[in-house]
Amino acid sequence: MTTRRYDPERADRIIDATLDLIAEQGLAGATYRTVADAAGVPLGSMTYHFPSRGDLLFAAFSRFADVAFTPLDDAMADPDEDPREQLVRIVLTDEGLRDRILLAELYVLSFREERYAELSRDWMRRARDAISPRVNSVISASGVSPAVLDAVQEGLGLHRYFLPEEYPESVVRATFDALIPAADTHTDGGAPA
């Protein structure tokens, strides 16, 4: 009788390998067999951790959404920093090709399957909630919502990737300066700076 080797990180390795394969080969490249090979796990253990390929893909994209969101959380964390500067920094920070590909694959799945659409909506709500406390006191009169600011920062990041010469830092900065009035951005409703 053989004993099963205890491997507490196996599920994490499987998810990491899945995301790497999707980034390198697209969704079609992330099969049970290719993921098992890339993760260095027995093919038979795949269904133990993820009963179906659909479960595997959803777990991988759920992890990606959570990890990829961290830079926005981090950028918006300082209550004393101007939120315009925080948003400019997010746009100017290069996410890297891997994350952009994974995000594009997530969006494609979101158009096709409701559970991925809900994952994307959760991401958008989370972004809105991260931005809101930093800007609500100054943007209410302008009519620009935190959700719109999130859409603008994401769109600017995408456009900068393909057309960096058309979206230099000065354009990004001017965009957020136009959308967010210069004022005290603390949530205590303080006087303008």
N, C-alpha and C. Protein backbone atom coordinates (compact mmCIF):
# COMPACT_ATOMS: atom_id res chain seq x y z
N MET A 1 0.84 -1.18 0.00
CA MET A 1 0.00 0.00 0.00
C MET A 1 0.89 1.24 0.00
N THR A 2 0.58 2.17 -0.89
CA THR A 2 1.34 3.41 -0.94
C THR A 2 0.64 4.46 -0.10
N THR A 3 1.42 5.32 0.46
CA THR A 3 0.84 6.40 1.25
C THR A 3 0.79 7.66 0.42
N ARG A 4 -0.24 8.42 0.62
CA ARG A 4 -0.40 9.67 -0.11
C ARG A 4 0.51 10.72 0.52
N ARG A 5 1.28 11.38 -0.31
CA ARG A 5 2.18 12.42 0.16
C ARG A 5 1.38 13.67 0.49
N TYR A 6 1.61 14.22 1.68
CA TYR A 6 0.93 15.44 2.09
C TYR A 6 1.57 16.63 1.37
N ASP A 7 0.78 17.39 0.67
CA ASP A 7 1.29 18.51 -0.13
C ASP A 7 0.32 19.68 0.01
N PRO A 8 0.44 20.47 1.09
CA PRO A 8 -0.54 21.53 1.36
C PRO A 8 -0.54 22.65 0.32
N GLU A 9 0.54 22.79 -0.45
CA GLU A 9 0.60 23.86 -1.44
C GLU A 9 0.20 23.42 -2.84
N ARG A 10 -0.26 22.20 -2.96
CA ARG A 10 -0.57 21.66 -4.28
C ARG A 10 -1.63 22.49 -5.01
N ALA A 11 -2.71 22.83 -4.34
CA ALA A 11 -3.78 23.60 -4.99
C ALA A 11 -3.26 24.96 -5.46
N ASP A 12 -2.42 25.59 -4.64
CA ASP A 12 -1.84 26.87 -5.04
C ASP A 12 -0.94 26.73 -6.27
N ARG A 13 -0.13 25.67 -6.31
CA ARG A 13 0.73 25.44 -7.47
C ARG A 13 -0.11 25.20 -8.72
N ILE A 14 -1.20 24.49 -8.55
CA ILE A 14 -2.08 24.22 -9.70
C ILE A 14 -2.66 25.53 -10.22
N ILE A 15 -3.12 26.38 -9.33
CA ILE A 15 -3.69 27.67 -9.75
C ILE A 15 -2.62 28.53 -10.41
N ASP A 16 -1.43 28.59 -9.83
CA ASP A 16 -0.35 29.38 -10.42
C ASP A 16 -0.01 28.88 -11.82
N ALA A 17 0.08 27.57 -11.97
CA ALA A 17 0.39 26.99 -13.28
C ALA A 17 -0.73 27.28 -14.28
N THR A 18 -1.96 27.24 -13.81
CA THR A 18 -3.10 27.54 -14.69
C THR A 18 -3.00 28.96 -15.22
N LEU A 19 -2.75 29.91 -14.33
CA LEU A 19 -2.65 31.31 -14.76
C LEU A 19 -1.47 31.51 -15.72
N ASP A 20 -0.35 30.86 -15.43
CA ASP A 20 0.80 30.98 -16.33
C ASP A 20 0.48 30.43 -17.72
N LEU A 21 -0.17 29.28 -17.75
CA LEU A 21 -0.52 28.68 -19.05
C LEU A 21 -1.52 29.53 -19.82
N ILE A 22 -2.50 30.09 -19.12
CA ILE A 22 -3.46 30.95 -19.80
C ILE A 22 -2.75 32.16 -20.38
N ALA A 23 -1.84 32.75 -19.61
CA ALA A 23 -1.10 33.91 -20.10
C ALA A 23 -0.23 33.57 -21.30
N GLU A 24 0.34 32.37 -21.31
CA GLU A 24 1.24 31.97 -22.39
C GLU A 24 0.52 31.42 -23.61
N GLN A 25 -0.57 30.66 -23.39
CA GLN A 25 -1.19 29.91 -24.49
C GLN A 25 -2.69 30.18 -24.66
N GLY A 26 -3.27 31.00 -23.82
CA GLY A 26 -4.70 31.22 -23.88
C GLY A 26 -5.44 30.14 -23.11
N LEU A 27 -6.75 30.28 -23.02
CA LEU A 27 -7.57 29.33 -22.27
C LEU A 27 -7.43 27.90 -22.77
N ALA A 28 -7.32 27.74 -24.09
CA ALA A 28 -7.24 26.40 -24.65
C ALA A 28 -5.98 25.67 -24.20
N GLY A 29 -4.94 26.41 -23.83
CA GLY A 29 -3.71 25.79 -23.40
C GLY A 29 -3.72 25.30 -21.96
N ALA A 30 -4.75 25.65 -21.21
CA ALA A 30 -4.83 25.25 -19.80
C ALA A 30 -5.78 24.07 -19.65
N THR A 31 -5.30 22.90 -20.03
CA THR A 31 -6.07 21.67 -19.85
C THR A 31 -5.64 21.01 -18.55
N TYR A 32 -6.40 20.03 -18.11
CA TYR A 32 -5.98 19.30 -16.90
C TYR A 32 -4.55 18.75 -17.07
N ARG A 33 -4.28 18.18 -18.23
CA ARG A 33 -2.98 17.54 -18.46
C ARG A 33 -1.85 18.58 -18.48
N THR A 34 -2.03 19.68 -19.20
CA THR A 34 -0.95 20.67 -19.27
C THR A 34 -0.72 21.35 -17.93
N VAL A 35 -1.79 21.59 -17.20
CA VAL A 35 -1.66 22.20 -15.87
C VAL A 35 -0.96 21.24 -14.91
N ALA A 36 -1.37 19.98 -14.92
CA ALA A 36 -0.73 18.99 -14.04
C ALA A 36 0.76 18.91 -14.34
N ASP A 37 1.13 18.87 -15.62
CA ASP A 37 2.54 18.82 -15.99
C ASP A 37 3.28 20.06 -15.51
N ALA A 38 2.69 21.23 -15.74
CA ALA A 38 3.35 22.49 -15.37
C ALA A 38 3.46 22.65 -13.85
N ALA A 39 2.47 22.14 -13.12
CA ALA A 39 2.48 22.26 -11.66
C ALA A 39 3.29 21.16 -10.99
N GLY A 40 3.64 20.13 -11.76
CA GLY A 40 4.39 19.01 -11.20
C GLY A 40 3.55 18.18 -10.24
N VAL A 41 2.27 17.98 -10.62
CA VAL A 41 1.38 17.17 -9.78
C VAL A 41 0.82 16.02 -10.62
N PRO A 42 0.45 14.92 -9.98
CA PRO A 42 -0.16 13.81 -10.72
C PRO A 42 -1.48 14.25 -11.36
N LEU A 43 -1.70 13.81 -12.57
CA LEU A 43 -2.93 14.15 -13.27
C LEU A 43 -4.17 13.78 -12.45
N GLY A 44 -4.12 12.65 -11.76
CA GLY A 44 -5.26 12.20 -10.97
C GLY A 44 -5.62 13.12 -9.82
N SER A 45 -4.67 13.91 -9.36
CA SER A 45 -4.97 14.80 -8.23
C SER A 45 -5.69 16.08 -8.66
N MET A 46 -5.76 16.30 -9.95
CA MET A 46 -6.42 17.52 -10.43
C MET A 46 -7.88 17.55 -10.01
N THR A 47 -8.60 16.44 -10.21
CA THR A 47 -10.02 16.44 -9.87
C THR A 47 -10.25 16.42 -8.36
N TYR A 48 -9.26 16.01 -7.59
CA TYR A 48 -9.38 16.07 -6.13
C TYR A 48 -9.49 17.53 -5.68
N HIS A 49 -8.69 18.38 -6.27
CA HIS A 49 -8.68 19.79 -5.89
C HIS A 49 -9.72 20.61 -6.65
N PHE A 50 -9.92 20.27 -7.92
CA PHE A 50 -10.82 21.01 -8.78
C PHE A 50 -11.64 20.01 -9.58
N PRO A 51 -12.88 19.73 -9.16
CA PRO A 51 -13.69 18.68 -9.77
C PRO A 51 -13.88 18.79 -11.29
N SER A 52 -13.82 20.01 -11.81
CA SER A 52 -13.96 20.18 -13.25
C SER A 52 -12.98 21.25 -13.73
N ARG A 53 -12.73 21.26 -15.01
CA ARG A 53 -11.87 22.30 -15.58
C ARG A 53 -12.49 23.66 -15.34
N GLY A 54 -13.80 23.74 -15.41
CA GLY A 54 -14.49 25.00 -15.12
C GLY A 54 -14.21 25.50 -13.71
N ASP A 55 -14.22 24.56 -12.75
CA ASP A 55 -13.90 24.94 -11.36
C ASP A 55 -12.46 25.43 -11.25
N LEU A 56 -11.56 24.77 -11.96
CA LEU A 56 -10.15 25.16 -11.96
C LEU A 56 -9.99 26.58 -12.53
N LEU A 57 -10.58 26.83 -13.67
CA LEU A 57 -10.45 28.14 -14.30
C LEU A 57 -11.05 29.24 -13.43
N PHE A 58 -12.20 28.95 -12.82
CA PHE A 58 -12.83 29.97 -11.98
C PHE A 58 -11.98 30.26 -10.74
N ALA A 59 -11.43 29.23 -10.14
CA ALA A 59 -10.55 29.42 -8.98
C ALA A 59 -9.33 30.24 -9.37
N ALA A 60 -8.78 29.96 -10.55
CA ALA A 60 -7.60 30.70 -11.01
C ALA A 60 -7.93 32.16 -11.24
N PHE A 61 -9.04 32.44 -11.92
CA PHE A 61 -9.39 33.83 -12.18
C PHE A 61 -9.83 34.56 -10.91
N SER A 62 -10.42 33.84 -9.97
CA SER A 62 -10.76 34.46 -8.68
C SER A 62 -9.48 34.90 -7.96
N ARG A 63 -8.48 34.04 -7.98
CA ARG A 63 -7.18 34.39 -7.37
C ARG A 63 -6.57 35.58 -8.10
N PHE A 64 -6.58 35.51 -9.44
CA PHE A 64 -6.01 36.61 -10.22
C PHE A 64 -6.68 37.93 -9.88
N ALA A 65 -8.01 37.93 -9.82
CA ALA A 65 -8.74 39.17 -9.53
C ALA A 65 -8.34 39.72 -8.16
N ASP A 66 -8.18 38.86 -7.20
CA ASP A 66 -7.82 39.32 -5.86
C ASP A 66 -6.39 39.87 -5.83
N VAL A 67 -5.46 39.15 -6.42
CA VAL A 67 -4.05 39.57 -6.40
C VAL A 67 -3.84 40.81 -7.26
N ALA A 68 -4.46 40.84 -8.42
CA ALA A 68 -4.27 41.97 -9.33
C ALA A 68 -4.89 43.25 -8.79
N PHE A 69 -5.79 43.13 -7.85
CA PHE A 69 -6.42 44.32 -7.28
C PHE A 69 -5.54 45.00 -6.24
N THR A 70 -4.59 44.29 -5.69
CA THR A 70 -3.75 44.81 -4.61
C THR A 70 -3.11 46.16 -4.92
N PRO A 71 -2.58 46.39 -6.13
CA PRO A 71 -1.96 47.71 -6.38
C PRO A 71 -2.93 48.88 -6.20
N LEU A 72 -4.18 48.73 -6.58
CA LEU A 72 -5.15 49.82 -6.39
C LEU A 72 -5.42 50.02 -4.90
N ASP A 73 -5.61 48.93 -4.17
CA ASP A 73 -5.78 49.04 -2.72
C ASP A 73 -4.60 49.77 -2.09
N ASP A 74 -3.40 49.36 -2.47
CA ASP A 74 -2.19 49.96 -1.91
C ASP A 74 -2.08 51.43 -2.28
N ALA A 75 -2.36 51.75 -3.54
CA ALA A 75 -2.23 53.13 -4.01
C ALA A 75 -3.21 54.07 -3.30
N MET A 76 -4.39 53.58 -3.01
CA MET A 76 -5.43 54.43 -2.42
C MET A 76 -5.38 54.43 -0.89
N ALA A 77 -4.43 53.74 -0.30
CA ALA A 77 -4.42 53.55 1.15
C ALA A 77 -4.02 54.79 1.94
N ASP A 78 -3.19 55.66 1.41
CA ASP A 78 -2.70 56.80 2.17
C ASP A 78 -3.73 57.93 2.17
N PRO A 79 -4.38 58.18 3.31
CA PRO A 79 -5.41 59.21 3.35
C PRO A 79 -4.86 60.63 3.23
N ASP A 80 -3.55 60.79 3.36
CA ASP A 80 -2.96 62.13 3.28
C ASP A 80 -2.44 62.48 1.90
N GLU A 81 -2.41 61.51 1.01
CA GLU A 81 -1.92 61.78 -0.35
C GLU A 81 -3.07 62.21 -1.25
N ASP A 82 -2.79 63.11 -2.15
CA ASP A 82 -3.77 63.60 -3.12
C ASP A 82 -4.26 62.41 -3.96
N PRO A 83 -5.58 62.16 -4.02
CA PRO A 83 -6.07 61.02 -4.79
C PRO A 83 -5.77 61.13 -6.28
N ARG A 84 -5.60 62.36 -6.77
CA ARG A 84 -5.21 62.50 -8.18
C ARG A 84 -3.84 61.86 -8.40
N GLU A 85 -2.93 62.09 -7.46
CA GLU A 85 -1.59 61.49 -7.56
C GLU A 85 -1.67 59.97 -7.44
N GLN A 86 -2.55 59.50 -6.57
CA GLN A 86 -2.71 58.06 -6.40
C GLN A 86 -3.19 57.41 -7.70
N LEU A 87 -4.16 58.04 -8.35
CA LEU A 87 -4.70 57.48 -9.60
C LEU A 87 -3.70 57.60 -10.74
N VAL A 88 -2.97 58.70 -10.78
CA VAL A 88 -1.93 58.85 -11.80
C VAL A 88 -0.90 57.73 -11.65
N ARG A 89 -0.50 57.44 -10.42
CA ARG A 89 0.50 56.39 -10.17
C ARG A 89 -0.01 55.03 -10.65
N ILE A 90 -1.29 54.76 -10.41
CA ILE A 90 -1.87 53.48 -10.87
C ILE A 90 -1.76 53.38 -12.39
N VAL A 91 -2.12 54.43 -13.09
CA VAL A 91 -2.09 54.40 -14.55
C VAL A 91 -0.65 54.26 -15.06
N LEU A 92 0.29 54.94 -14.41
CA LEU A 92 1.67 54.93 -14.89
C LEU A 92 2.42 53.65 -14.54
N THR A 93 1.91 52.89 -13.59
CA THR A 93 2.56 51.65 -13.21
C THR A 93 2.24 50.58 -14.25
N ASP A 94 3.27 50.03 -14.84
CA ASP A 94 3.09 49.01 -15.87
C ASP A 94 2.70 47.69 -15.21
N GLU A 95 1.52 47.19 -15.55
CA GLU A 95 1.04 45.92 -14.98
C GLU A 95 1.79 44.73 -15.55
N GLY A 96 2.39 44.89 -16.68
CA GLY A 96 3.06 43.78 -17.34
C GLY A 96 2.11 43.06 -18.29
N LEU A 97 2.69 42.47 -19.29
CA LEU A 97 1.90 41.80 -20.33
C LEU A 97 1.10 40.63 -19.77
N ARG A 98 1.68 39.86 -18.86
CA ARG A 98 0.98 38.70 -18.30
C ARG A 98 -0.35 39.10 -17.68
N ASP A 99 -0.33 40.13 -16.83
CA ASP A 99 -1.58 40.55 -16.18
C ASP A 99 -2.58 41.14 -17.17
N ARG A 100 -2.08 41.82 -18.17
CA ARG A 100 -3.00 42.38 -19.17
C ARG A 100 -3.68 41.25 -19.96
N ILE A 101 -2.93 40.22 -20.30
CA ILE A 101 -3.51 39.08 -21.02
C ILE A 101 -4.54 38.39 -20.14
N LEU A 102 -4.20 38.16 -18.88
CA LEU A 102 -5.14 37.49 -17.98
C LEU A 102 -6.41 38.32 -17.81
N LEU A 103 -6.27 39.63 -17.70
CA LEU A 103 -7.45 40.49 -17.58
C LEU A 103 -8.30 40.41 -18.85
N ALA A 104 -7.66 40.41 -19.99
CA ALA A 104 -8.41 40.30 -21.25
C ALA A 104 -9.15 38.96 -21.32
N GLU A 105 -8.49 37.88 -20.91
CA GLU A 105 -9.15 36.56 -20.90
C GLU A 105 -10.32 36.56 -19.92
N LEU A 106 -10.14 37.21 -18.77
CA LEU A 106 -11.24 37.30 -17.81
C LEU A 106 -12.42 38.06 -18.41
N TYR A 107 -12.14 39.14 -19.11
CA TYR A 107 -13.23 39.91 -19.72
C TYR A 107 -13.96 39.08 -20.78
N VAL A 108 -13.22 38.33 -21.58
CA VAL A 108 -13.87 37.48 -22.59
C VAL A 108 -14.80 36.48 -21.91
N LEU A 109 -14.30 35.82 -20.87
CA LEU A 109 -15.16 34.88 -20.13
C LEU A 109 -16.35 35.59 -19.51
N SER A 110 -16.15 36.83 -19.08
CA SER A 110 -17.24 37.59 -18.44
C SER A 110 -18.37 37.89 -19.41
N PHE A 111 -18.04 38.02 -20.68
CA PHE A 111 -19.09 38.23 -21.68
C PHE A 111 -19.86 36.94 -21.95
N ARG A 112 -19.25 35.80 -21.67
CA ARG A 112 -19.85 34.52 -22.02
C ARG A 112 -20.52 33.80 -20.86
N GLU A 113 -20.01 34.01 -19.63
CA GLU A 113 -20.53 33.26 -18.49
C GLU A 113 -20.84 34.18 -17.32
N GLU A 114 -21.99 34.00 -16.75
CA GLU A 114 -22.45 34.89 -15.68
C GLU A 114 -21.55 34.88 -14.46
N ARG A 115 -21.02 33.74 -14.07
CA ARG A 115 -20.20 33.76 -12.85
C ARG A 115 -18.93 34.57 -13.04
N TYR A 116 -18.41 34.62 -14.25
CA TYR A 116 -17.25 35.47 -14.52
C TYR A 116 -17.69 36.93 -14.61
N ALA A 117 -18.87 37.17 -15.16
CA ALA A 117 -19.39 38.53 -15.19
C ALA A 117 -19.56 39.06 -13.77
N GLU A 118 -20.03 38.22 -12.86
CA GLU A 118 -20.18 38.65 -11.47
C GLU A 118 -18.82 38.88 -10.83
N LEU A 119 -17.83 38.07 -11.18
CA LEU A 119 -16.47 38.29 -10.68
C LEU A 119 -15.95 39.64 -11.16
N SER A 120 -16.20 39.98 -12.42
CA SER A 120 -15.78 41.28 -12.95
C SER A 120 -16.54 42.42 -12.29
N ARG A 121 -17.84 42.23 -12.06
CA ARG A 121 -18.61 43.27 -11.37
C ARG A 121 -18.10 43.48 -9.95
N ASP A 122 -17.75 42.37 -9.28
CA ASP A 122 -17.18 42.49 -7.93
C ASP A 122 -15.88 43.29 -7.96
N TRP A 123 -15.06 43.04 -8.97
CA TRP A 123 -13.80 43.77 -9.13
C TRP A 123 -14.11 45.27 -9.29
N MET A 124 -15.08 45.59 -10.14
CA MET A 124 -15.43 46.99 -10.38
C MET A 124 -15.98 47.65 -9.11
N ARG A 125 -16.81 46.91 -8.37
CA ARG A 125 -17.33 47.45 -7.10
C ARG A 125 -16.21 47.68 -6.10
N ARG A 126 -15.30 46.74 -6.05
CA ARG A 126 -14.17 46.85 -5.12
C ARG A 126 -13.31 48.07 -5.47
N ALA A 127 -13.11 48.30 -6.75
CA ALA A 127 -12.34 49.48 -7.19
C ALA A 127 -13.09 50.75 -6.80
N ARG A 128 -14.36 50.79 -7.05
CA ARG A 128 -15.17 51.95 -6.67
C ARG A 128 -15.07 52.20 -5.17
N ASP A 129 -15.15 51.13 -4.39
CA ASP A 129 -15.10 51.26 -2.93
C ASP A 129 -13.72 51.70 -2.45
N ALA A 130 -12.67 51.34 -3.17
CA ALA A 130 -11.32 51.79 -2.79
C ALA A 130 -11.13 53.27 -3.10
N ILE A 131 -11.73 53.72 -4.18
CA ILE A 131 -11.58 55.11 -4.61
C ILE A 131 -12.51 56.04 -3.84
N SER A 132 -13.71 55.59 -3.54
CA SER A 132 -14.75 56.45 -2.95
C SER A 132 -14.32 57.26 -1.74
N PRO A 133 -13.74 56.65 -0.70
CA PRO A 133 -13.43 57.44 0.48
C PRO A 133 -12.43 58.56 0.22
N ARG A 134 -11.64 58.39 -0.82
CA ARG A 134 -10.61 59.38 -1.13
C ARG A 134 -11.14 60.57 -1.92
N VAL A 135 -12.28 60.43 -2.58
CA VAL A 135 -12.73 61.50 -3.47
C VAL A 135 -14.16 61.97 -3.25
N ASN A 136 -14.95 61.25 -2.50
CA ASN A 136 -16.37 61.59 -2.38
C ASN A 136 -16.63 63.03 -1.94
N SER A 137 -15.82 63.54 -1.03
CA SER A 137 -16.09 64.87 -0.51
C SER A 137 -15.82 65.97 -1.53
N VAL A 138 -15.08 65.69 -2.59
CA VAL A 138 -14.76 66.75 -3.55
C VAL A 138 -15.39 66.56 -4.92
N ILE A 139 -15.88 65.38 -5.22
CA ILE A 139 -16.41 65.18 -6.57
C ILE A 139 -17.92 65.22 -6.66
N SER A 140 -18.61 65.25 -5.54
CA SER A 140 -20.08 65.20 -5.61
C SER A 140 -20.65 66.33 -6.45
N ALA A 141 -20.07 67.51 -6.37
CA ALA A 141 -20.59 68.63 -7.16
C ALA A 141 -20.24 68.50 -8.63
N SER A 142 -19.17 67.78 -8.95
CA SER A 142 -18.75 67.67 -10.35
C SER A 142 -19.56 66.65 -11.14
N GLY A 143 -20.22 65.73 -10.43
CA GLY A 143 -21.01 64.71 -11.11
C GLY A 143 -20.21 63.51 -11.55
N VAL A 144 -18.91 63.50 -11.27
CA VAL A 144 -18.07 62.37 -11.61
C VAL A 144 -18.07 61.40 -10.44
N SER A 145 -18.40 60.16 -10.71
CA SER A 145 -18.48 59.17 -9.63
C SER A 145 -17.17 58.40 -9.50
N PRO A 146 -16.94 57.76 -8.35
CA PRO A 146 -15.77 56.90 -8.20
C PRO A 146 -15.74 55.79 -9.26
N ALA A 147 -16.91 55.31 -9.66
CA ALA A 147 -16.96 54.27 -10.70
C ALA A 147 -16.42 54.81 -12.02
N VAL A 148 -16.74 56.05 -12.34
CA VAL A 148 -16.23 56.67 -13.57
C VAL A 148 -14.72 56.85 -13.46
N LEU A 149 -14.23 57.27 -12.29
CA LEU A 149 -12.79 57.42 -12.11
C LEU A 149 -12.07 56.09 -12.31
N ASP A 150 -12.67 55.02 -11.82
CA ASP A 150 -12.07 53.70 -12.03
C ASP A 150 -12.05 53.35 -13.51
N ALA A 151 -13.15 53.61 -14.21
CA ALA A 151 -13.20 53.31 -15.64
C ALA A 151 -12.15 54.12 -16.40
N VAL A 152 -11.98 55.37 -16.01
CA VAL A 152 -10.98 56.23 -16.66
C VAL A 152 -9.57 55.71 -16.40
N GLN A 153 -9.28 55.36 -15.14
CA GLN A 153 -7.91 54.89 -14.86
C GLN A 153 -7.63 53.58 -15.59
N GLU A 154 -8.60 52.70 -15.65
CA GLU A 154 -8.38 51.44 -16.35
C GLU A 154 -8.22 51.67 -17.85
N GLY A 155 -9.06 52.51 -18.40
CA GLY A 155 -8.97 52.82 -19.83
C GLY A 155 -7.68 53.51 -20.20
N LEU A 156 -7.25 54.46 -19.38
CA LEU A 156 -5.98 55.14 -19.65
C LEU A 156 -4.81 54.16 -19.61
N GLY A 157 -4.84 53.24 -18.66
CA GLY A 157 -3.77 52.24 -18.57
C GLY A 157 -3.71 51.38 -19.83
N LEU A 158 -4.87 50.99 -20.33
CA LEU A 158 -4.93 50.18 -21.55
C LEU A 158 -4.42 50.97 -22.76
N HIS A 159 -4.90 52.19 -22.89
CA HIS A 159 -4.48 53.02 -24.03
C HIS A 159 -2.98 53.32 -23.96
N ARG A 160 -2.47 53.56 -22.75
CA ARG A 160 -1.03 53.82 -22.60
C ARG A 160 -0.20 52.61 -23.02
N TYR A 161 -0.73 51.42 -22.81
CA TYR A 161 0.02 50.23 -23.19
C TYR A 161 0.23 50.18 -24.71
N PHE A 162 -0.83 50.49 -25.46
CA PHE A 162 -0.75 50.40 -26.92
C PHE A 162 -0.25 51.68 -27.58
N LEU A 163 -0.53 52.83 -26.96
CA LEU A 163 -0.15 54.11 -27.55
C LEU A 163 0.54 55.00 -26.50
N PRO A 164 1.69 54.58 -26.00
CA PRO A 164 2.32 55.35 -24.92
C PRO A 164 2.67 56.78 -25.31
N GLU A 165 2.99 56.99 -26.56
CA GLU A 165 3.35 58.34 -27.00
C GLU A 165 2.15 59.29 -26.98
N GLU A 166 0.94 58.76 -27.06
CA GLU A 166 -0.25 59.61 -27.04
C GLU A 166 -0.80 59.84 -25.63
N TYR A 167 -0.30 59.07 -24.67
CA TYR A 167 -0.77 59.19 -23.30
C TYR A 167 0.39 59.32 -22.32
N PRO A 168 1.20 60.38 -22.49
CA PRO A 168 2.31 60.57 -21.55
C PRO A 168 1.77 60.96 -20.18
N GLU A 169 2.66 61.02 -19.22
CA GLU A 169 2.26 61.36 -17.85
C GLU A 169 1.49 62.67 -17.80
N SER A 170 1.87 63.64 -18.61
CA SER A 170 1.19 64.94 -18.59
C SER A 170 -0.28 64.81 -18.96
N VAL A 171 -0.61 63.95 -19.90
CA VAL A 171 -2.01 63.74 -20.29
C VAL A 171 -2.77 63.03 -19.18
N VAL A 172 -2.16 62.02 -18.59
CA VAL A 172 -2.80 61.29 -17.49
C VAL A 172 -3.08 62.24 -16.34
N ARG A 173 -2.09 63.04 -15.98
CA ARG A 173 -2.23 63.98 -14.87
C ARG A 173 -3.32 65.01 -15.17
N ALA A 174 -3.31 65.55 -16.38
CA ALA A 174 -4.32 66.56 -16.76
C ALA A 174 -5.72 65.97 -16.71
N THR A 175 -5.86 64.70 -17.06
CA THR A 175 -7.17 64.05 -17.04
C THR A 175 -7.72 64.00 -15.62
N PHE A 176 -6.91 63.54 -14.67
CA PHE A 176 -7.39 63.45 -13.29
C PHE A 176 -7.53 64.83 -12.66
N ASP A 177 -6.70 65.78 -13.06
CA ASP A 177 -6.86 67.16 -12.56
C ASP A 177 -8.21 67.73 -13.02
N ALA A 178 -8.62 67.37 -14.23
CA ALA A 178 -9.90 67.87 -14.75
C ALA A 178 -11.09 67.18 -14.09
N LEU A 179 -10.93 65.92 -13.73
CA LEU A 179 -12.04 65.16 -13.16
C LEU A 179 -12.21 65.33 -11.64
N ILE A 180 -11.10 65.59 -10.95
CA ILE A 180 -11.16 65.69 -9.50
C ILE A 180 -10.74 67.10 -9.10
N PRO A 181 -11.66 67.88 -8.56
CA PRO A 181 -11.32 69.25 -8.16
C PRO A 181 -10.23 69.28 -7.11
N ALA A 182 -9.39 70.29 -7.18
CA ALA A 182 -8.35 70.47 -6.17
C ALA A 182 -9.03 70.92 -4.89
N ALA A 183 -8.95 70.08 -3.87
CA ALA A 183 -9.56 70.40 -2.59
C ALA A 183 -9.03 69.43 -1.56
N ASP A 184 -9.36 69.68 -0.32
CA ASP A 184 -9.00 68.73 0.73
C ASP A 184 -9.80 67.46 0.45
N THR A 185 -9.11 66.36 0.30
CA THR A 185 -9.80 65.11 -0.07
C THR A 185 -10.04 64.21 1.10
N HIS A 186 -9.80 64.69 2.31
CA HIS A 186 -10.08 63.87 3.49
C HIS A 186 -11.58 63.64 3.62
N THR A 187 -11.95 62.51 4.14
CA THR A 187 -13.36 62.18 4.26
C THR A 187 -14.05 62.96 5.37
N ASP A 188 -13.29 63.80 6.11
CA ASP A 188 -13.91 64.56 7.17
C ASP A 188 -14.58 65.83 6.66
N GLY A 189 -14.54 66.04 5.34
CA GLY A 189 -15.22 67.20 4.76
C GLY A 189 -14.50 68.50 5.05
N GLY A 190 -13.18 68.45 5.20
CA GLY A 190 -12.41 69.63 5.53
C GLY A 190 -12.48 70.69 4.47
N ALA A 191 -11.90 71.84 4.78
CA ALA A 191 -11.91 72.98 3.87
C ALA A 191 -10.97 72.70 2.71
N PRO A 192 -11.20 73.37 1.57
CA PRO A 192 -10.32 73.19 0.43
C PRO A 192 -8.88 73.53 0.80
N ALA A 193 -7.96 72.82 0.14
CA ALA A 193 -6.53 73.05 0.40
C ALA A 193 -6.06 74.31 -0.27
